[in-house]
All heavy atoms as atom14 arrays in JSON, in Angstrom:
{
  "sequence": "LRVLAPLLRLDARTADGRTIADVIDSVGDPAPWQTAIGTLDDPI",
  "atom14_mask": [
    [1, 1, 1, 1, 1, 1, 1, 1, 0, 0, 0, 0, 0, 0],
    [1, 1, 1, 1, 1, 1, 1, 1, 1, 1, 1, 0, 0, 0],
    [1, 1, 1, 1, 1, 1, 1, 0, 0, 0, 0, 0, 0, 0],
    [1, 1, 1, 1, 1, 1, 1, 1, 0, 0, 0, 0, 0, 0],
    [1, 1, 1, 1, 1, 0, 0, 0, 0, 0, 0, 0, 0, 0],
    [1, 1, 1, 1, 1, 1, 1, 0, 0, 0, 0, 0, 0, 0],
    [1, 1, 1, 1, 1, 1, 1, 1, 0, 0, 0, 0, 0, 0],
    [1, 1, 1, 1, 1, 1, 1, 1, 0, 0, 0, 0, 0, 0],
    [1, 1, 1, 1, 1, 1, 1, 1, 1, 1, 1, 0, 0, 0],
    [1, 1, 1, 1, 1, 1, 1, 1, 0, 0, 0, 0, 0, 0],
    [1, 1, 1, 1, 1, 1, 1, 1, 0, 0, 0, 0, 0, 0],
    [1, 1, 1, 1, 1, 0, 0, 0, 0, 0, 0, 0, 0, 0],
    [1, 1, 1, 1, 1, 1, 1, 1, 1, 1, 1, 0, 0, 0],
    [1, 1, 1, 1, 1, 1, 1, 0, 0, 0, 0, 0, 0, 0],
    [1, 1, 1, 1, 1, 0, 0, 0, 0, 0, 0, 0, 0, 0],
    [1, 1, 1, 1, 1, 1, 1, 1, 0, 0, 0, 0, 0, 0],
    [1, 1, 1, 1, 0, 0, 0, 0, 0, 0, 0, 0, 0, 0],
    [1, 1, 1, 1, 1, 1, 1, 1, 1, 1, 1, 0, 0, 0],
    [1, 1, 1, 1, 1, 1, 1, 0, 0, 0, 0, 0, 0, 0],
    [1, 1, 1, 1, 1, 1, 1, 1, 0, 0, 0, 0, 0, 0],
    [1, 1, 1, 1, 1, 0, 0, 0, 0, 0, 0, 0, 0, 0],
    [1, 1, 1, 1, 1, 1, 1, 1, 0, 0, 0, 0, 0, 0],
    [1, 1, 1, 1, 1, 1, 1, 0, 0, 0, 0, 0, 0, 0],
    [1, 1, 1, 1, 1, 1, 1, 1, 0, 0, 0, 0, 0, 0],
    [1, 1, 1, 1, 1, 1, 1, 1, 0, 0, 0, 0, 0, 0],
    [1, 1, 1, 1, 1, 1, 0, 0, 0, 0, 0, 0, 0, 0],
    [1, 1, 1, 1, 1, 1, 1, 0, 0, 0, 0, 0, 0, 0],
    [1, 1, 1, 1, 0, 0, 0, 0, 0, 0, 0, 0, 0, 0],
    [1, 1, 1, 1, 1, 1, 1, 1, 0, 0, 0, 0, 0, 0],
    [1, 1, 1, 1, 1, 1, 1, 0, 0, 0, 0, 0, 0, 0],
    [1, 1, 1, 1, 1, 0, 0, 0, 0, 0, 0, 0, 0, 0],
    [1, 1, 1, 1, 1, 1, 1, 0, 0, 0, 0, 0, 0, 0],
    [1, 1, 1, 1, 1, 1, 1, 1, 1, 1, 1, 1, 1, 1],
    [1, 1, 1, 1, 1, 1, 1, 1, 1, 0, 0, 0, 0, 0],
    [1, 1, 1, 1, 1, 1, 1, 0, 0, 0, 0, 0, 0, 0],
    [1, 1, 1, 1, 1, 0, 0, 0, 0, 0, 0, 0, 0, 0],
    [1, 1, 1, 1, 1, 1, 1, 1, 0, 0, 0, 0, 0, 0],
    [1, 1, 1, 1, 0, 0, 0, 0, 0, 0, 0, 0, 0, 0],
    [1, 1, 1, 1, 1, 1, 1, 0, 0, 0, 0, 0, 0, 0],
    [1, 1, 1, 1, 1, 1, 1, 1, 0, 0, 0, 0, 0, 0],
    [1, 1, 1, 1, 1, 1, 1, 1, 0, 0, 0, 0, 0, 0],
    [1, 1, 1, 1, 1, 1, 1, 1, 0, 0, 0, 0, 0, 0],
    [1, 1, 1, 1, 1, 1, 1, 0, 0, 0, 0, 0, 0, 0],
    [1, 1, 1, 1, 1, 1, 1, 1, 0, 0, 0, 0, 0, 0]
  ],
  "atom14_positions": [
    [[-41.09, -89.73, -3.78], [-41.89, -88.96, -4.86], [-41.18, -88.86, -6.14], [-41.78, -88.96, -7.22], [-42.29, -87.58, -4.36], [-43.2, -87.57, -2.99], [-43.4, -86.09, -2.6], [-44.59, -88.11, -3.44], [0.0, 0.0, 0.0], [0.0, 0.0, 0.0], [0.0, 0.0, 0.0], [0.0, 0.0, 0.0], [0.0, 0.0, 0.0], [0.0, 0.0, 0.0]],
    [[-39.87, -88.8, -6.07], [-39.06, -88.68, -7.27], [-39.19, -89.94, -8.05], [-39.34, -89.98, -9.36], [-37.68, -88.3, -6.95], [-36.7, -88.05, -8.31], [-35.36, -87.63, -7.9], [-34.63, -87.46, -9.1], [-34.54, -86.35, -9.85], [-35.31, -85.37, -9.54], [-33.82, -86.21, -10.97], [0.0, 0.0, 0.0], [0.0, 0.0, 0.0], [0.0, 0.0, 0.0]],
    [[-39.12, -91.09, -7.33], [-39.18, -92.32, -7.96], [-40.67, -92.44, -8.58], [-40.78, -93.05, -9.71], [-38.92, -93.54, -6.96], [-39.38, -94.76, -7.51], [-37.53, -93.46, -6.47], [0.0, 0.0, 0.0], [0.0, 0.0, 0.0], [0.0, 0.0, 0.0], [0.0, 0.0, 0.0], [0.0, 0.0, 0.0], [0.0, 0.0, 0.0], [0.0, 0.0, 0.0]],
    [[-41.62, -91.95, -7.92], [-43.04, -92.15, -8.39], [-43.42, -91.14, -9.46], [-44.63, -91.18, -9.87], [-43.98, -91.99, -7.18], [-44.07, -93.28, -6.19], [-44.76, -92.77, -4.87], [-44.69, -94.38, -6.82], [0.0, 0.0, 0.0], [0.0, 0.0, 0.0], [0.0, 0.0, 0.0], [0.0, 0.0, 0.0], [0.0, 0.0, 0.0], [0.0, 0.0, 0.0]],
    [[-42.54, -90.22, -9.8], [-42.88, -89.11, -10.67], [-43.74, -89.48, -11.8], [-44.71, -88.85, -12.16], [-41.66, -88.33, -11.16], [0.0, 0.0, 0.0], [0.0, 0.0, 0.0], [0.0, 0.0, 0.0], [0.0, 0.0, 0.0], [0.0, 0.0, 0.0], [0.0, 0.0, 0.0], [0.0, 0.0, 0.0], [0.0, 0.0, 0.0], [0.0, 0.0, 0.0]],
    [[-43.51, -90.69, -12.53], [-44.4, -90.97, -13.74], [-45.79, -91.3, -13.27], [-46.57, -91.24, -14.27], [-43.59, -92.19, -14.37], [-42.15, -92.1, -13.86], [-42.33, -91.47, -12.43], [0.0, 0.0, 0.0], [0.0, 0.0, 0.0], [0.0, 0.0, 0.0], [0.0, 0.0, 0.0], [0.0, 0.0, 0.0], [0.0, 0.0, 0.0], [0.0, 0.0, 0.0]],
    [[-46.01, -91.55, -12.1], [-47.37, -91.89, -11.68], [-48.11, -90.81, -10.93], [-49.28, -91.0, -10.46], [-47.32, -93.17, -10.74], [-46.54, -94.36, -11.31], [-46.4, -95.54, -10.34], [-47.19, -94.91, -12.62], [0.0, 0.0, 0.0], [0.0, 0.0, 0.0], [0.0, 0.0, 0.0], [0.0, 0.0, 0.0], [0.0, 0.0, 0.0], [0.0, 0.0, 0.0]],
    [[-47.51, -89.63, -10.82], [-47.98, -88.62, -9.93], [-48.56, -87.49, -10.78], [-48.18, -87.33, -11.95], [-46.94, -88.02, -9.03], [-46.37, -89.0, -7.99], [-45.24, -88.31, -7.19], [-47.4, -89.55, -6.89], [0.0, 0.0, 0.0], [0.0, 0.0, 0.0], [0.0, 0.0, 0.0], [0.0, 0.0, 0.0], [0.0, 0.0, 0.0], [0.0, 0.0, 0.0]],
    [[-49.5, -86.67, -10.09], [-50.0, -85.41, -10.71], [-48.95, -84.35, -10.22], [-49.07, -83.81, -9.15], [-51.32, -85.15, -10.29], [-52.42, -86.05, -10.9], [-52.4, -87.51, -10.37], [-53.39, -88.38, -10.98], [-53.44, -89.56, -10.86], [-52.52, -90.22, -10.07], [-54.39, -90.31, -11.45], [0.0, 0.0, 0.0], [0.0, 0.0, 0.0], [0.0, 0.0, 0.0]],
    [[-48.06, -83.97, -11.09], [-46.9, -83.12, -10.63], [-47.3, -81.62, -10.44], [-46.41, -80.99, -9.8], [-45.81, -83.33, -11.73], [-45.24, -84.69, -11.92], [-44.14, -84.62, -12.95], [-44.61, -85.21, -10.6], [0.0, 0.0, 0.0], [0.0, 0.0, 0.0], [0.0, 0.0, 0.0], [0.0, 0.0, 0.0], [0.0, 0.0, 0.0], [0.0, 0.0, 0.0]],
    [[-48.45, -81.26, -10.9], [-48.89, -79.83, -10.66], [-49.48, -79.67, -9.39], [-49.86, -78.48, -9.05], [-49.77, -79.35, -11.87], [-49.0, -79.24, -13.18], [-47.74, -79.04, -13.22], [-49.68, -79.4, -14.27], [0.0, 0.0, 0.0], [0.0, 0.0, 0.0], [0.0, 0.0, 0.0], [0.0, 0.0, 0.0], [0.0, 0.0, 0.0], [0.0, 0.0, 0.0]],
    [[-49.8, -80.64, -8.64], [-50.37, -80.57, -7.35], [-49.56, -79.62, -6.44], [-48.27, -79.67, -6.42], [-50.56, -81.93, -6.65], [0.0, 0.0, 0.0], [0.0, 0.0, 0.0], [0.0, 0.0, 0.0], [0.0, 0.0, 0.0], [0.0, 0.0, 0.0], [0.0, 0.0, 0.0], [0.0, 0.0, 0.0], [0.0, 0.0, 0.0], [0.0, 0.0, 0.0]],
    [[-50.2, -78.78, -5.61], [-49.47, -77.76, -4.8], [-49.18, -78.3, -3.5], [-49.76, -79.35, -2.93], [-50.42, -76.56, -4.62], [-50.68, -75.78, -5.88], [-51.52, -74.59, -5.66], [-50.84, -73.51, -4.94], [-51.36, -72.42, -4.54], [-52.63, -72.23, -4.61], [-50.54, -71.5, -3.83], [0.0, 0.0, 0.0], [0.0, 0.0, 0.0], [0.0, 0.0, 0.0]],
    [[-48.27, -77.7, -2.72], [-47.95, -77.97, -1.38], [-48.01, -76.7, -0.61], [-47.9, -75.59, -1.09], [-46.51, -78.62, -1.18], [-45.49, -77.56, -1.5], [-46.35, -79.81, -2.21], [0.0, 0.0, 0.0], [0.0, 0.0, 0.0], [0.0, 0.0, 0.0], [0.0, 0.0, 0.0], [0.0, 0.0, 0.0], [0.0, 0.0, 0.0], [0.0, 0.0, 0.0]],
    [[-48.13, -76.82, 0.76], [-48.27, -75.72, 1.6], [-46.97, -74.85, 1.72], [-47.05, -73.77, 2.32], [-48.79, -76.09, 2.88], [0.0, 0.0, 0.0], [0.0, 0.0, 0.0], [0.0, 0.0, 0.0], [0.0, 0.0, 0.0], [0.0, 0.0, 0.0], [0.0, 0.0, 0.0], [0.0, 0.0, 0.0], [0.0, 0.0, 0.0], [0.0, 0.0, 0.0]],
    [[-45.9, -75.39, 1.14], [-44.59, -74.58, 1.24], [-44.47, -73.7, 0.01], [-43.49, -73.1, -0.25], [-43.4, -75.43, 1.5], [-42.93, -76.13, 0.23], [-43.78, -76.24, -0.71], [-41.73, -76.55, 0.11], [0.0, 0.0, 0.0], [0.0, 0.0, 0.0], [0.0, 0.0, 0.0], [0.0, 0.0, 0.0], [0.0, 0.0, 0.0], [0.0, 0.0, 0.0]],
    [[-45.53, -73.63, -0.84], [-45.52, -72.79, -1.99], [-45.06, -73.35, -3.26], [-45.12, -72.81, -4.3], [0.0, 0.0, 0.0], [0.0, 0.0, 0.0], [0.0, 0.0, 0.0], [0.0, 0.0, 0.0], [0.0, 0.0, 0.0], [0.0, 0.0, 0.0], [0.0, 0.0, 0.0], [0.0, 0.0, 0.0], [0.0, 0.0, 0.0], [0.0, 0.0, 0.0]],
    [[-44.56, -74.64, -3.24], [-44.11, -75.34, -4.36], [-45.09, -76.32, -4.83], [-46.06, -76.69, -4.28], [-42.75, -75.97, -4.11], [-41.68, -74.93, -3.76], [-40.38, -75.76, -3.54], [-40.27, -76.55, -2.39], [-39.29, -77.39, -1.99], [-38.31, -77.52, -2.91], [-39.34, -78.11, -0.94], [0.0, 0.0, 0.0], [0.0, 0.0, 0.0], [0.0, 0.0, 0.0]],
    [[-44.82, -76.88, -6.12], [-45.59, -78.03, -6.64], [-44.79, -79.25, -6.3], [-43.65, -79.26, -5.94], [-45.75, -77.89, -8.16], [-44.53, -77.93, -8.74], [-46.44, -76.57, -8.51], [0.0, 0.0, 0.0], [0.0, 0.0, 0.0], [0.0, 0.0, 0.0], [0.0, 0.0, 0.0], [0.0, 0.0, 0.0], [0.0, 0.0, 0.0], [0.0, 0.0, 0.0]],
    [[-45.51, -80.35, -6.38], [-44.76, -81.71, -6.32], [-43.58, -81.82, -7.27], [-42.5, -82.32, -7.02], [-45.83, -82.79, -6.61], [-46.87, -82.91, -5.48], [-45.0, -84.21, -6.62], [-46.34, -83.21, -4.1], [0.0, 0.0, 0.0], [0.0, 0.0, 0.0], [0.0, 0.0, 0.0], [0.0, 0.0, 0.0], [0.0, 0.0, 0.0], [0.0, 0.0, 0.0]],
    [[-43.77, -81.23, -8.47], [-42.65, -81.18, -9.51], [-41.42, -80.6, -8.86], [-40.27, -80.85, -9.11], [-43.15, -80.58, -10.79], [0.0, 0.0, 0.0], [0.0, 0.0, 0.0], [0.0, 0.0, 0.0], [0.0, 0.0, 0.0], [0.0, 0.0, 0.0], [0.0, 0.0, 0.0], [0.0, 0.0, 0.0], [0.0, 0.0, 0.0], [0.0, 0.0, 0.0]],
    [[-41.68, -79.3, -8.28], [-40.57, -78.57, -7.68], [-39.88, -79.42, -6.52], [-38.63, -79.31, -6.36], [-41.15, -77.25, -6.97], [-41.7, -76.32, -8.07], [-41.17, -76.37, -9.24], [-42.58, -75.59, -7.71], [0.0, 0.0, 0.0], [0.0, 0.0, 0.0], [0.0, 0.0, 0.0], [0.0, 0.0, 0.0], [0.0, 0.0, 0.0], [0.0, 0.0, 0.0]],
    [[-40.66, -80.12, -5.81], [-40.16, -80.88, -4.59], [-39.14, -81.95, -5.18], [-38.08, -82.11, -4.66], [-41.22, -81.53, -3.86], [-40.63, -82.47, -2.72], [-42.18, -80.46, -3.08], [0.0, 0.0, 0.0], [0.0, 0.0, 0.0], [0.0, 0.0, 0.0], [0.0, 0.0, 0.0], [0.0, 0.0, 0.0], [0.0, 0.0, 0.0], [0.0, 0.0, 0.0]],
    [[-39.69, -82.65, -6.19], [-38.84, -83.76, -6.67], [-37.6, -83.3, -7.44], [-36.6, -83.99, -7.53], [-39.65, -84.8, -7.47], [-40.24, -84.08, -8.79], [-40.76, -85.3, -6.75], [-40.84, -85.15, -9.61], [0.0, 0.0, 0.0], [0.0, 0.0, 0.0], [0.0, 0.0, 0.0], [0.0, 0.0, 0.0], [0.0, 0.0, 0.0], [0.0, 0.0, 0.0]],
    [[-37.7, -82.06, -7.95], [-36.51, -81.52, -8.66], [-35.47, -81.07, -7.6], [-34.26, -80.96, -8.01], [-36.86, -80.26, -9.51], [-37.61, -80.66, -10.72], [-37.59, -81.82, -11.24], [-38.33, -79.68, -11.34], [0.0, 0.0, 0.0], [0.0, 0.0, 0.0], [0.0, 0.0, 0.0], [0.0, 0.0, 0.0], [0.0, 0.0, 0.0], [0.0, 0.0, 0.0]],
    [[-35.83, -80.96, -6.36], [-34.88, -80.54, -5.38], [-34.03, -81.73, -4.79], [-33.21, -81.52, -3.94], [-35.5, -79.78, -4.19], [-36.36, -80.61, -3.58], [0.0, 0.0, 0.0], [0.0, 0.0, 0.0], [0.0, 0.0, 0.0], [0.0, 0.0, 0.0], [0.0, 0.0, 0.0], [0.0, 0.0, 0.0], [0.0, 0.0, 0.0], [0.0, 0.0, 0.0]],
    [[-34.36, -82.98, -5.07], [-33.69, -84.18, -4.68], [-33.14, -85.02, -5.77], [-33.68, -84.96, -6.85], [-34.54, -84.97, -3.64], [-35.04, -84.17, -2.48], [-35.83, -85.45, -4.37], [0.0, 0.0, 0.0], [0.0, 0.0, 0.0], [0.0, 0.0, 0.0], [0.0, 0.0, 0.0], [0.0, 0.0, 0.0], [0.0, 0.0, 0.0], [0.0, 0.0, 0.0]],
    [[-32.3, -85.9, -5.37], [-31.8, -86.91, -6.38], [-32.51, -88.14, -6.34], [-33.42, -88.35, -5.6], [0.0, 0.0, 0.0], [0.0, 0.0, 0.0], [0.0, 0.0, 0.0], [0.0, 0.0, 0.0], [0.0, 0.0, 0.0], [0.0, 0.0, 0.0], [0.0, 0.0, 0.0], [0.0, 0.0, 0.0], [0.0, 0.0, 0.0], [0.0, 0.0, 0.0]],
    [[-31.96, -89.09, -7.25], [-32.43, -90.44, -7.26], [-32.07, -91.16, -6.06], [-31.14, -90.72, -5.35], [-32.03, -91.14, -8.5], [-32.56, -90.58, -9.88], [-33.78, -90.03, -9.69], [-31.86, -90.49, -10.81], [0.0, 0.0, 0.0], [0.0, 0.0, 0.0], [0.0, 0.0, 0.0], [0.0, 0.0, 0.0], [0.0, 0.0, 0.0], [0.0, 0.0, 0.0]],
    [[-32.62, -92.35, -5.71], [-32.19, -93.12, -4.51], [-30.74, -93.49, -4.65], [-30.27, -93.9, -5.76], [-33.18, -94.49, -4.68], [-34.4, -94.01, -5.38], [-33.92, -92.92, -6.35], [0.0, 0.0, 0.0], [0.0, 0.0, 0.0], [0.0, 0.0, 0.0], [0.0, 0.0, 0.0], [0.0, 0.0, 0.0], [0.0, 0.0, 0.0], [0.0, 0.0, 0.0]],
    [[-30.07, -93.34, -3.6], [-28.6, -93.48, -3.6], [-28.33, -95.09, -3.73], [-29.1, -95.94, -3.21], [-27.98, -92.99, -2.37], [0.0, 0.0, 0.0], [0.0, 0.0, 0.0], [0.0, 0.0, 0.0], [0.0, 0.0, 0.0], [0.0, 0.0, 0.0], [0.0, 0.0, 0.0], [0.0, 0.0, 0.0], [0.0, 0.0, 0.0], [0.0, 0.0, 0.0]],
    [[-27.22, -95.47, -4.39], [-27.06, -96.85, -4.57], [-26.63, -97.62, -3.29], [-26.72, -98.84, -3.23], [-25.73, -96.87, -5.46], [-25.14, -95.46, -5.35], [-26.3, -94.56, -5.11], [0.0, 0.0, 0.0], [0.0, 0.0, 0.0], [0.0, 0.0, 0.0], [0.0, 0.0, 0.0], [0.0, 0.0, 0.0], [0.0, 0.0, 0.0], [0.0, 0.0, 0.0]],
    [[-26.16, -96.78, -2.12], [-25.85, -97.58, -0.94], [-27.09, -97.96, -0.12], [-26.89, -98.79, 0.76], [-24.93, -96.62, -0.13], [-25.61, -95.27, 0.14], [-25.37, -94.12, -0.49], [-26.45, -94.91, 1.2], [-26.0, -93.06, 0.04], [-26.74, -93.57, 1.07], [-27.09, -95.62, 2.18], [-27.7, -92.9, 1.95], [-28.0, -95.03, 3.01], [-28.23, -93.63, 2.83]],
    [[-28.19, -97.39, -0.51], [-29.39, -97.68, 0.38], [-30.26, -98.74, -0.21], [-30.23, -98.95, -1.45], [-30.24, -96.39, 0.66], [-30.79, -95.74, -0.55], [-32.12, -96.43, -1.04], [-32.99, -96.8, -0.15], [-32.33, -96.58, -2.3], [0.0, 0.0, 0.0], [0.0, 0.0, 0.0], [0.0, 0.0, 0.0], [0.0, 0.0, 0.0], [0.0, 0.0, 0.0]],
    [[-31.0, -99.47, 0.68], [-31.97, -100.48, 0.07], [-33.41, -100.24, 0.61], [-34.22, -101.08, 0.42], [-31.44, -101.81, 0.63], [-31.41, -101.87, 2.03], [-30.15, -102.25, 0.01], [0.0, 0.0, 0.0], [0.0, 0.0, 0.0], [0.0, 0.0, 0.0], [0.0, 0.0, 0.0], [0.0, 0.0, 0.0], [0.0, 0.0, 0.0], [0.0, 0.0, 0.0]],
    [[-33.67, -99.06, 1.27], [-35.12, -98.96, 1.83], [-35.98, -98.48, 0.67], [-37.18, -98.67, 0.86], [-34.93, -97.83, 2.88], [0.0, 0.0, 0.0], [0.0, 0.0, 0.0], [0.0, 0.0, 0.0], [0.0, 0.0, 0.0], [0.0, 0.0, 0.0], [0.0, 0.0, 0.0], [0.0, 0.0, 0.0], [0.0, 0.0, 0.0], [0.0, 0.0, 0.0]],
    [[-35.53, -97.78, -0.36], [-36.4, -97.23, -1.39], [-35.98, -97.88, -2.68], [-34.9, -97.84, -3.12], [-36.26, -95.72, -1.48], [-36.57, -95.0, -0.2], [-37.1, -95.16, -2.71], [-36.35, -93.54, -0.27], [0.0, 0.0, 0.0], [0.0, 0.0, 0.0], [0.0, 0.0, 0.0], [0.0, 0.0, 0.0], [0.0, 0.0, 0.0], [0.0, 0.0, 0.0]],
    [[-36.96, -98.59, -3.29], [-36.74, -99.23, -4.59], [-36.96, -98.27, -5.78], [-37.27, -97.1, -5.53], [0.0, 0.0, 0.0], [0.0, 0.0, 0.0], [0.0, 0.0, 0.0], [0.0, 0.0, 0.0], [0.0, 0.0, 0.0], [0.0, 0.0, 0.0], [0.0, 0.0, 0.0], [0.0, 0.0, 0.0], [0.0, 0.0, 0.0], [0.0, 0.0, 0.0]],
    [[-37.09, -98.85, -6.93], [-37.33, -98.05, -8.12], [-38.61, -98.7, -8.93], [-38.82, -99.82, -8.59], [-36.25, -97.91, -9.05], [-35.86, -99.12, -9.49], [-35.0, -97.18, -8.36], [0.0, 0.0, 0.0], [0.0, 0.0, 0.0], [0.0, 0.0, 0.0], [0.0, 0.0, 0.0], [0.0, 0.0, 0.0], [0.0, 0.0, 0.0], [0.0, 0.0, 0.0]],
    [[-39.1, -98.04, -9.77], [-40.2, -98.6, -10.66], [-39.6, -99.78, -11.56], [-40.28, -100.73, -11.75], [-40.78, -97.6, -11.71], [-41.49, -96.48, -10.88], [-42.06, -95.47, -11.92], [-42.76, -97.06, -10.08], [0.0, 0.0, 0.0], [0.0, 0.0, 0.0], [0.0, 0.0, 0.0], [0.0, 0.0, 0.0], [0.0, 0.0, 0.0], [0.0, 0.0, 0.0]],
    [[-38.24, -99.7, -11.84], [-37.59, -100.8, -12.61], [-37.17, -102.0, -11.63], [-37.05, -103.08, -12.07], [-36.48, -100.24, -13.4], [-36.85, -99.41, -14.51], [-37.95, -99.59, -15.0], [-36.09, -98.46, -14.83], [0.0, 0.0, 0.0], [0.0, 0.0, 0.0], [0.0, 0.0, 0.0], [0.0, 0.0, 0.0], [0.0, 0.0, 0.0], [0.0, 0.0, 0.0]],
    [[-36.95, -101.67, -10.46], [-36.53, -102.55, -9.47], [-37.27, -102.48, -8.19], [-36.65, -102.01, -7.09], [-34.94, -102.47, -9.29], [-34.41, -103.58, -8.36], [-35.05, -104.64, -8.18], [-33.31, -103.35, -7.89], [0.0, 0.0, 0.0], [0.0, 0.0, 0.0], [0.0, 0.0, 0.0], [0.0, 0.0, 0.0], [0.0, 0.0, 0.0], [0.0, 0.0, 0.0]],
    [[-38.56, -102.68, -8.15], [-39.36, -102.44, -6.89], [-39.03, -103.44, -5.67], [-38.4, -104.46, -5.94], [-40.75, -102.58, -7.34], [-40.62, -103.58, -8.49], [-39.39, -103.41, -9.18], [0.0, 0.0, 0.0], [0.0, 0.0, 0.0], [0.0, 0.0, 0.0], [0.0, 0.0, 0.0], [0.0, 0.0, 0.0], [0.0, 0.0, 0.0], [0.0, 0.0, 0.0]],
    [[-39.48, -103.09, -4.51], [-39.36, -104.06, -3.39], [-40.41, -105.1, -3.59], [-40.04, -106.25, -3.17], [-39.65, -103.17, -2.15], [-38.69, -102.07, -2.01], [-39.62, -104.17, -0.91], [-37.25, -102.41, -1.92], [0.0, 0.0, 0.0], [0.0, 0.0, 0.0], [0.0, 0.0, 0.0], [0.0, 0.0, 0.0], [0.0, 0.0, 0.0], [0.0, 0.0, 0.0]]
  ]
}
């Protein structure tokens, strides 16, 4: 979701009381050691 942020409606709510924006603010970008999640600049 953090990778997809520019394409998402970030004000959408979740059942844990936060918005999608809050959720992605709580995590970091994809780690350099992994290859399972790409980025918008370097997609799969």
